[in-house]
Amino acid sequence: MMADKKIKIDPTEFALAVVSGSNLNAADDVRASKDGLKRYLSAYLLIEEFNQLESGQFSLLKKSDLTLLVKALEGIKFD
């Protein structure tokens, strides 16, 4: 059963995948690098937060309650 298994996403792999799939065509290399770094850090921190939520709450949720986890993740702001 999926709800019985803990999910842990590697934050480095996820963040690298997000950045590599991003369009970072800025006017200059510095701006593109800053945009890439911001995107990398946002993705990394998002997965860290997900892993913490999962380890603390996800195993207690039933399959029908997974929408609560999705709503919690949507509320995370990194601005």
PDB file of N, CA and C in Angstrom:
ATOM      1  N   MET A   1       0.850  -1.190   0.000  1.00  0.00           N
ATOM      2  CA  MET A   1       0.000   0.000   0.000  1.00  0.00           C
ATOM      3  C   MET A   1       0.885   1.239   0.000  1.00  0.00           C
ATOM      4  N   MET A   2       0.612   2.177  -0.872  1.00  0.00           N
ATOM      5  CA  MET A   2       1.420   3.380  -1.038  1.00  0.00           C
ATOM      6  C   MET A   2       1.487   4.213   0.236  1.00  0.00           C
ATOM      7  N   ALA A   3       0.416   4.306   0.967  1.00  0.00           N
ATOM      8  CA  ALA A   3       0.390   5.131   2.177  1.00  0.00           C
ATOM      9  C   ALA A   3       1.281   4.571   3.274  1.00  0.00           C
ATOM     10  N   ASP A   4       1.658   3.302   3.174  1.00  0.00           N
ATOM     11  CA  ASP A   4       2.510   2.693   4.177  1.00  0.00           C
ATOM     12  C   ASP A   4       3.990   2.923   3.905  1.00  0.00           C
ATOM     13  N   LYS A   5       4.340   3.366   2.712  1.00  0.00           N
ATOM     14  CA  LYS A   5       5.732   3.560   2.330  1.00  0.00           C
ATOM     15  C   LYS A   5       6.099   5.029   2.438  1.00  0.00           C
ATOM     16  N   LYS A   6       7.270   5.282   3.021  1.00  0.00           N
ATOM     17  CA  LYS A   6       7.752   6.652   3.113  1.00  0.00           C
ATOM     18  C   LYS A   6       8.384   7.035   1.786  1.00  0.00           C
ATOM     19  N   ILE A   7       8.151   8.259   1.401  1.00  0.00           N
ATOM     20  CA  ILE A   7       8.734   8.798   0.179  1.00  0.00           C
ATOM     21  C   ILE A   7       9.812   9.787   0.598  1.00  0.00           C
ATOM     22  N   LYS A   8      10.995   9.643   0.018  1.00  0.00           N
ATOM     23  CA  LYS A   8      12.064  10.611   0.255  1.00  0.00           C
ATOM     24  C   LYS A   8      12.676  10.938  -1.098  1.00  0.00           C
ATOM     25  N   ILE A   9      12.625  12.196  -1.444  1.00  0.00           N
ATOM     26  CA  ILE A   9      13.168  12.664  -2.711  1.00  0.00           C
ATOM     27  C   ILE A   9      14.520  13.302  -2.439  1.00  0.00           C
ATOM     28  N   ASP A  10      15.511  12.927  -3.230  1.00  0.00           N
ATOM     29  CA  ASP A  10      16.838  13.512  -3.082  1.00  0.00           C
ATOM     30  C   ASP A  10      16.779  14.979  -3.515  1.00  0.00           C
ATOM     31  N   PRO A  11      17.045  15.901  -2.594  1.00  0.00           N
ATOM     32  CA  PRO A  11      16.891  17.321  -2.930  1.00  0.00           C
ATOM     33  C   PRO A  11      17.884  17.801  -3.986  1.00  0.00           C
ATOM     34  N   THR A  12      19.104  17.262  -3.982  1.00  0.00           N
ATOM     35  CA  THR A  12      20.099  17.675  -4.967  1.00  0.00           C
ATOM     36  C   THR A  12      19.679  17.246  -6.366  1.00  0.00           C
ATOM     37  N   GLU A  13      19.284  15.990  -6.507  1.00  0.00           N
ATOM     38  CA  GLU A  13      18.852  15.493  -7.816  1.00  0.00           C
ATOM     39  C   GLU A  13      17.632  16.258  -8.318  1.00  0.00           C
ATOM     40  N   PHE A  14      16.686  16.519  -7.429  1.00  0.00           N
ATOM     41  CA  PHE A  14      15.481  17.241  -7.825  1.00  0.00           C
ATOM     42  C   PHE A  14      15.823  18.659  -8.279  1.00  0.00           C
ATOM     43  N   ALA A  15      16.623  19.359  -7.494  1.00  0.00           N
ATOM     44  CA  ALA A  15      16.974  20.736  -7.825  1.00  0.00           C
ATOM     45  C   ALA A  15      17.753  20.810  -9.138  1.00  0.00           C
ATOM     46  N   LEU A  16      18.660  19.861  -9.357  1.00  0.00           N
ATOM     47  CA  LEU A  16      19.401  19.831 -10.622  1.00  0.00           C
ATOM     48  C   LEU A  16      18.460  19.580 -11.794  1.00  0.00           C
ATOM     49  N   ALA A  17      17.486  18.691 -11.611  1.00  0.00           N
ATOM     50  CA  ALA A  17      16.515  18.412 -12.674  1.00  0.00           C
ATOM     51  C   ALA A  17      15.676  19.647 -12.982  1.00  0.00           C
ATOM     52  N   VAL A  18      15.279  20.382 -11.947  1.00  0.00           N
ATOM     53  CA  VAL A  18      14.483  21.594 -12.157  1.00  0.00           C
ATOM     54  C   VAL A  18      15.285  22.624 -12.947  1.00  0.00           C
ATOM     55  N   VAL A  19      16.529  22.852 -12.547  1.00  0.00           N
ATOM     56  CA  VAL A  19      17.357  23.853 -13.224  1.00  0.00           C
ATOM     57  C   VAL A  19      17.677  23.410 -14.653  1.00  0.00           C
ATOM     58  N   SER A  20      17.997  22.145 -14.842  1.00  0.00           N
ATOM     59  CA  SER A  20      18.355  21.693 -16.188  1.00  0.00           C
ATOM     60  C   SER A  20      17.163  21.751 -17.138  1.00  0.00           C
ATOM     61  N   GLY A  21      15.961  21.679 -16.599  1.00  0.00           N
ATOM     62  CA  GLY A  21      14.771  21.780 -17.432  1.00  0.00           C
ATOM     63  C   GLY A  21      14.243  23.194 -17.571  1.00  0.00           C
ATOM     64  N   SER A  22      14.962  24.148 -17.020  1.00  0.00           N
ATOM     65  CA  SER A  22      14.515  25.539 -17.035  1.00  0.00           C
ATOM     66  C   SER A  22      15.113  26.310 -18.202  1.00  0.00           C
ATOM     67  N   ASN A  23      14.377  27.305 -18.636  1.00  0.00           N
ATOM     68  CA  ASN A  23      14.858  28.213 -19.656  1.00  0.00           C
ATOM     69  C   ASN A  23      15.486  29.407 -18.947  1.00  0.00           C
ATOM     70  N   LEU A  24      16.808  29.502 -18.972  1.00  0.00           N
ATOM     71  CA  LEU A  24      17.516  30.565 -18.258  1.00  0.00           C
ATOM     72  C   LEU A  24      18.156  31.550 -19.232  1.00  0.00           C
ATOM     73  N   ASN A  25      17.434  31.934 -20.241  1.00  0.00           N
ATOM     74  CA  ASN A  25      17.936  32.875 -21.248  1.00  0.00           C
ATOM     75  C   ASN A  25      17.740  34.308 -20.767  1.00  0.00           C
ATOM     76  N   ALA A  26      18.678  34.773 -19.979  1.00  0.00           N
ATOM     77  CA  ALA A  26      18.627  36.157 -19.500  1.00  0.00           C
ATOM     78  C   ALA A  26      19.510  37.022 -20.402  1.00  0.00           C
ATOM     79  N   ALA A  27      19.436  38.311 -20.191  1.00  0.00           N
ATOM     80  CA  ALA A  27      20.197  39.256 -21.007  1.00  0.00           C
ATOM     81  C   ALA A  27      21.706  39.068 -20.837  1.00  0.00           C
ATOM     82  N   ASP A  28      22.130  38.619 -19.679  1.00  0.00           N
ATOM     83  CA  ASP A  28      23.564  38.403 -19.461  1.00  0.00           C
ATOM     84  C   ASP A  28      23.784  37.153 -18.607  1.00  0.00           C
ATOM     85  N   ASP A  29      25.016  36.694 -18.567  1.00  0.00           N
ATOM     86  CA  ASP A  29      25.353  35.465 -17.844  1.00  0.00           C
ATOM     87  C   ASP A  29      25.135  35.590 -16.340  1.00  0.00           C
ATOM     88  N   VAL A  30      25.405  36.759 -15.787  1.00  0.00           N
ATOM     89  CA  VAL A  30      25.223  36.955 -14.348  1.00  0.00           C
ATOM     90  C   VAL A  30      23.749  36.822 -13.983  1.00  0.00           C
ATOM     91  N   ARG A  31      22.881  37.456 -14.772  1.00  0.00           N
ATOM     92  CA  ARG A  31      21.435  37.363 -14.509  1.00  0.00           C
ATOM     93  C   ARG A  31      20.949  35.926 -14.660  1.00  0.00           C
ATOM     94  N   ALA A  32      21.423  35.236 -15.685  1.00  0.00           N
ATOM     95  CA  ALA A  32      21.033  33.836 -15.892  1.00  0.00           C
ATOM     96  C   ALA A  32      21.518  32.971 -14.730  1.00  0.00           C
ATOM     97  N   SER A  33      22.729  33.233 -14.252  1.00  0.00           N
ATOM     98  CA  SER A  33      23.268  32.476 -13.109  1.00  0.00           C
ATOM     99  C   SER A  33      22.459  32.731 -11.843  1.00  0.00           C
ATOM    100  N   LYS A  34      22.099  33.980 -11.626  1.00  0.00           N
ATOM    101  CA  LYS A  34      21.282  34.315 -10.452  1.00  0.00           C
ATOM    102  C   LYS A  34      19.916  33.641 -10.533  1.00  0.00           C
ATOM    103  N   ASP A  35      19.314  33.662 -11.725  1.00  0.00           N
ATOM    104  CA  ASP A  35      18.019  33.013 -11.912  1.00  0.00           C
ATOM    105  C   ASP A  35      18.124  31.504 -11.680  1.00  0.00           C
ATOM    106  N   GLY A  36      19.205  30.904 -12.201  1.00  0.00           N
ATOM    107  CA  GLY A  36      19.426  29.470 -12.005  1.00  0.00           C
ATOM    108  C   GLY A  36      19.639  29.126 -10.542  1.00  0.00           C
ATOM    109  N   LEU A  37      20.404  29.945  -9.845  1.00  0.00           N
ATOM    110  CA  LEU A  37      20.651  29.710  -8.421  1.00  0.00           C
ATOM    111  C   LEU A  37      19.368  29.844  -7.616  1.00  0.00           C
ATOM    112  N   LYS A  38      18.585  30.860  -7.914  1.00  0.00           N
ATOM    113  CA  LYS A  38      17.308  31.044  -7.210  1.00  0.00           C
ATOM    114  C   LYS A  38      16.394  29.837  -7.444  1.00  0.00           C
ATOM    115  N   ARG A  39      16.333  29.382  -8.690  1.00  0.00           N
ATOM    116  CA  ARG A  39      15.491  28.236  -9.015  1.00  0.00           C
ATOM    117  C   ARG A  39      15.998  26.970  -8.321  1.00  0.00           C
ATOM    118  N   TYR A  40      17.331  26.770  -8.315  1.00  0.00           N
ATOM    119  CA  TYR A  40      17.934  25.610  -7.650  1.00  0.00           C
ATOM    120  C   TYR A  40      17.604  25.617  -6.158  1.00  0.00           C
ATOM    121  N   LEU A  41      17.847  26.753  -5.505  1.00  0.00           N
ATOM    122  CA  LEU A  41      17.610  26.838  -4.061  1.00  0.00           C
ATOM    123  C   LEU A  41      16.131  26.674  -3.718  1.00  0.00           C
ATOM    124  N   SER A  42      15.262  27.252  -4.521  1.00  0.00           N
ATOM    125  CA  SER A  42      13.826  27.097  -4.281  1.00  0.00           C
ATOM    126  C   SER A  42      13.406  25.639  -4.384  1.00  0.00           C
ATOM    127  N   ALA A  43      13.881  24.961  -5.417  1.00  0.00           N
ATOM    128  CA  ALA A  43      13.543  23.544  -5.594  1.00  0.00           C
ATOM    129  C   ALA A  43      14.124  22.701  -4.463  1.00  0.00           C
ATOM    130  N   TYR A  44      15.369  22.979  -4.087  1.00  0.00           N
ATOM    131  CA  TYR A  44      16.025  22.229  -3.018  1.00  0.00           C
ATOM    132  C   TYR A  44      15.265  22.384  -1.699  1.00  0.00           C
ATOM    133  N   LEU A  45      14.941  23.623  -1.360  1.00  0.00           N
ATOM    134  CA  LEU A  45      14.238  23.877  -0.101  1.00  0.00           C
ATOM    135  C   LEU A  45      12.821  23.306  -0.108  1.00  0.00           C
ATOM    136  N   LEU A  46      12.171  23.336  -1.264  1.00  0.00           N
ATOM    137  CA  LEU A  46      10.840  22.746  -1.385  1.00  0.00           C
ATOM    138  C   LEU A  46      10.881  21.251  -1.085  1.00  0.00           C
ATOM    139  N   ILE A  47      11.860  20.549  -1.631  1.00  0.00           N
ATOM    140  CA  ILE A  47      11.953  19.110  -1.393  1.00  0.00           C
ATOM    141  C   ILE A  47      12.375  18.816   0.048  1.00  0.00           C
ATOM    142  N   GLU A  48      13.222  19.643   0.607  1.00  0.00           N
ATOM    143  CA  GLU A  48      13.563  19.470   2.024  1.00  0.00           C
ATOM    144  C   GLU A  48      12.304  19.582   2.883  1.00  0.00           C
ATOM    145  N   GLU A  49      11.470  20.579   2.574  1.00  0.00           N
ATOM    146  CA  GLU A  49      10.208  20.761   3.312  1.00  0.00           C
ATOM    147  C   GLU A  49       9.287  19.561   3.098  1.00  0.00           C
ATOM    148  N   PHE A  50       9.198  19.096   1.849  1.00  0.00           N
ATOM    149  CA  PHE A  50       8.391  17.923   1.557  1.00  0.00           C
ATOM    150  C   PHE A  50       8.877  16.718   2.363  1.00  0.00           C
ATOM    151  N   ASN A  51      10.175  16.489   2.374  1.00  0.00           N
ATOM    152  CA  ASN A  51      10.729  15.334   3.104  1.00  0.00           C
ATOM    153  C   ASN A  51      10.426  15.434   4.598  1.00  0.00           C
ATOM    154  N   GLN A  52      10.478  16.642   5.135  1.00  0.00           N
ATOM    155  CA  GLN A  52      10.141  16.817   6.555  1.00  0.00           C
ATOM    156  C   GLN A  52       8.666  16.554   6.808  1.00  0.00           C
ATOM    157  N   LEU A  53       7.809  17.074   5.941  1.00  0.00           N
ATOM    158  CA  LEU A  53       6.373  16.814   6.080  1.00  0.00           C
ATOM    159  C   LEU A  53       6.083  15.324   5.970  1.00  0.00           C
ATOM    160  N   GLU A  54       6.715  14.695   5.002  1.00  0.00           N
ATOM    161  CA  GLU A  54       6.490  13.275   4.768  1.00  0.00           C
ATOM    162  C   GLU A  54       6.914  12.444   5.970  1.00  0.00           C
ATOM    163  N   SER A  55       8.077  12.737   6.511  1.00  0.00           N
ATOM    164  CA  SER A  55       8.565  11.930   7.621  1.00  0.00           C
ATOM    165  C   SER A  55       7.733  12.135   8.889  1.00  0.00           C
ATOM    166  N   GLY A  56       7.153  13.326   9.034  1.00  0.00           N
ATOM    167  CA  GLY A  56       6.368  13.607  10.227  1.00  0.00           C
ATOM    168  C   GLY A  56       4.897  13.282  10.125  1.00  0.00           C
ATOM    169  N   GLN A  57       4.328  13.385   8.927  1.00  0.00           N
ATOM    170  CA  GLN A  57       2.886  13.265   8.787  1.00  0.00           C
ATOM    171  C   GLN A  57       2.436  12.274   7.739  1.00  0.00           C
ATOM    172  N   PHE A  58       3.182  12.159   6.659  1.00  0.00           N
ATOM    173  CA  PHE A  58       2.720  11.403   5.502  1.00  0.00           C
ATOM    174  C   PHE A  58       2.380   9.960   5.852  1.00  0.00           C
ATOM    175  N   SER A  59       3.167   9.339   6.696  1.00  0.00           N
ATOM    176  CA  SER A  59       2.918   7.945   7.042  1.00  0.00           C
ATOM    177  C   SER A  59       1.627   7.770   7.837  1.00  0.00           C
ATOM    178  N   LEU A  60       1.135   8.854   8.424  1.00  0.00           N
ATOM    179  CA  LEU A  60      -0.100   8.788   9.188  1.00  0.00           C
ATOM    180  C   LEU A  60      -1.337   8.999   8.315  1.00  0.00           C
ATOM    181  N   LEU A  61      -1.113   9.531   7.114  1.00  0.00           N
ATOM    182  CA  LEU A  61      -2.234   9.825   6.229  1.00  0.00           C
ATOM    183  C   LEU A  61      -2.724   8.581   5.509  1.00  0.00           C
ATOM    184  N   LYS A  62      -3.989   8.571   5.235  1.00  0.00           N
ATOM    185  CA  LYS A  62      -4.571   7.527   4.415  1.00  0.00           C
ATOM    186  C   LYS A  62      -4.560   8.007   2.979  1.00  0.00           C
ATOM    187  N   LYS A  63      -4.725   7.108   2.069  1.00  0.00           N
ATOM    188  CA  LYS A  63      -4.686   7.442   0.651  1.00  0.00           C
ATOM    189  C   LYS A  63      -5.653   8.572   0.316  1.00  0.00           C
ATOM    190  N   SER A  64      -6.805   8.570   0.915  1.00  0.00           N
ATOM    191  CA  SER A  64      -7.797   9.607   0.634  1.00  0.00           C
ATOM    192  C   SER A  64      -7.413  10.964   1.214  1.00  0.00           C
ATOM    193  N   ASP A  65      -6.434  10.999   2.107  1.00  0.00           N
ATOM    194  CA  ASP A  65      -6.028  12.255   2.738  1.00  0.00           C
ATOM    195  C   ASP A  65      -4.790  12.889   2.094  1.00  0.00           C
ATOM    196  N   LEU A  66      -4.309  12.334   0.987  1.00  0.00           N
ATOM    197  CA  LEU A  66      -3.110  12.874   0.355  1.00  0.00           C
ATOM    198  C   LEU A  66      -3.318  14.292  -0.155  1.00  0.00           C
ATOM    199  N   THR A  67      -4.552  14.676  -0.385  1.00  0.00           N
ATOM    200  CA  THR A  67      -4.814  16.050  -0.831  1.00  0.00           C
ATOM    201  C   THR A  67      -4.393  17.059   0.230  1.00  0.00           C
ATOM    202  N   LEU A  68      -4.422  16.684   1.481  1.00  0.00           N
ATOM    203  CA  LEU A  68      -3.966  17.585   2.548  1.00  0.00           C
ATOM    204  C   LEU A  68      -2.484  17.890   2.394  1.00  0.00           C
ATOM    205  N   LEU A  69      -1.698  16.887   2.035  1.00  0.00           N
ATOM    206  CA  LEU A  69      -0.275  17.084   1.842  1.00  0.00           C
ATOM    207  C   LEU A  69      -0.025  18.017   0.666  1.00  0.00           C
ATOM    208  N   VAL A  70      -0.744  17.824  -0.417  1.00  0.00           N
ATOM    209  CA  VAL A  70      -0.594  18.675  -1.589  1.00  0.00           C
ATOM    210  C   VAL A  70      -0.944  20.118  -1.238  1.00  0.00           C
ATOM    211  N   LYS A  71      -2.012  20.320  -0.495  1.00  0.00           N
ATOM    212  CA  LYS A  71      -2.402  21.675  -0.095  1.00  0.00           C
ATOM    213  C   LYS A  71      -1.342  22.309   0.805  1.00  0.00           C
ATOM    214  N   ALA A  72      -0.738  21.513   1.683  1.00  0.00           N
ATOM    215  CA  ALA A  72       0.326  22.042   2.559  1.00  0.00           C
ATOM    216  C   ALA A  72       1.519  22.482   1.725  1.00  0.00           C
ATOM    217  N   LEU A  73       1.881  21.703   0.718  1.00  0.00           N
ATOM    218  CA  LEU A  73       3.008  22.058  -0.135  1.00  0.00           C
ATOM    219  C   LEU A  73       2.709  23.290  -0.977  1.00  0.00           C
ATOM    220  N   GLU A  74       1.468  23.461  -1.413  1.00  0.00           N
ATOM    221  CA  GLU A  74       1.115  24.632  -2.206  1.00  0.00           C
ATOM    222  C   GLU A  74       1.220  25.909  -1.381  1.00  0.00           C
ATOM    223  N   GLY A  75       1.101  25.809  -0.080  1.00  0.00           N
ATOM    224  CA  GLY A  75       1.160  26.984   0.783  1.00  0.00           C
ATOM    225  C   GLY A  75       2.563  27.451   1.117  1.00  0.00           C
ATOM    226  N   ILE A  76       3.589  26.698   0.716  1.00  0.00           N
ATOM    227  CA  ILE A  76       4.966  27.072   1.020  1.00  0.00           C
ATOM    228  C   ILE A  76       5.393  28.191   0.090  1.00  0.00           C
ATOM    229  N   LYS A  77       5.889  29.275   0.667  1.00  0.00           N
ATOM    230  CA  LYS A  77       6.360  30.439  -0.098  1.00  0.00           C
ATOM    231  C   LYS A  77       7.857  30.593   0.083  1.00  0.00           C
ATOM    232  N   PHE A  78       8.583  30.878  -1.000  1.00  0.00           N
ATOM    233  CA  PHE A  78      10.041  31.063  -0.962  1.00  0.00           C
ATOM    234  C   PHE A  78      10.452  32.418  -1.491  1.00  0.00           C
ATOM    235  N   ASP A  79       9.666  33.407  -1.281  1.00  0.00           N
ATOM    236  CA  ASP A  79       9.997  34.740  -1.805  1.00  0.00           C
ATOM    237  C   ASP A  79      10.862  35.496  -0.855  1.00  0.00           C
TER     238      ASP A  79
END
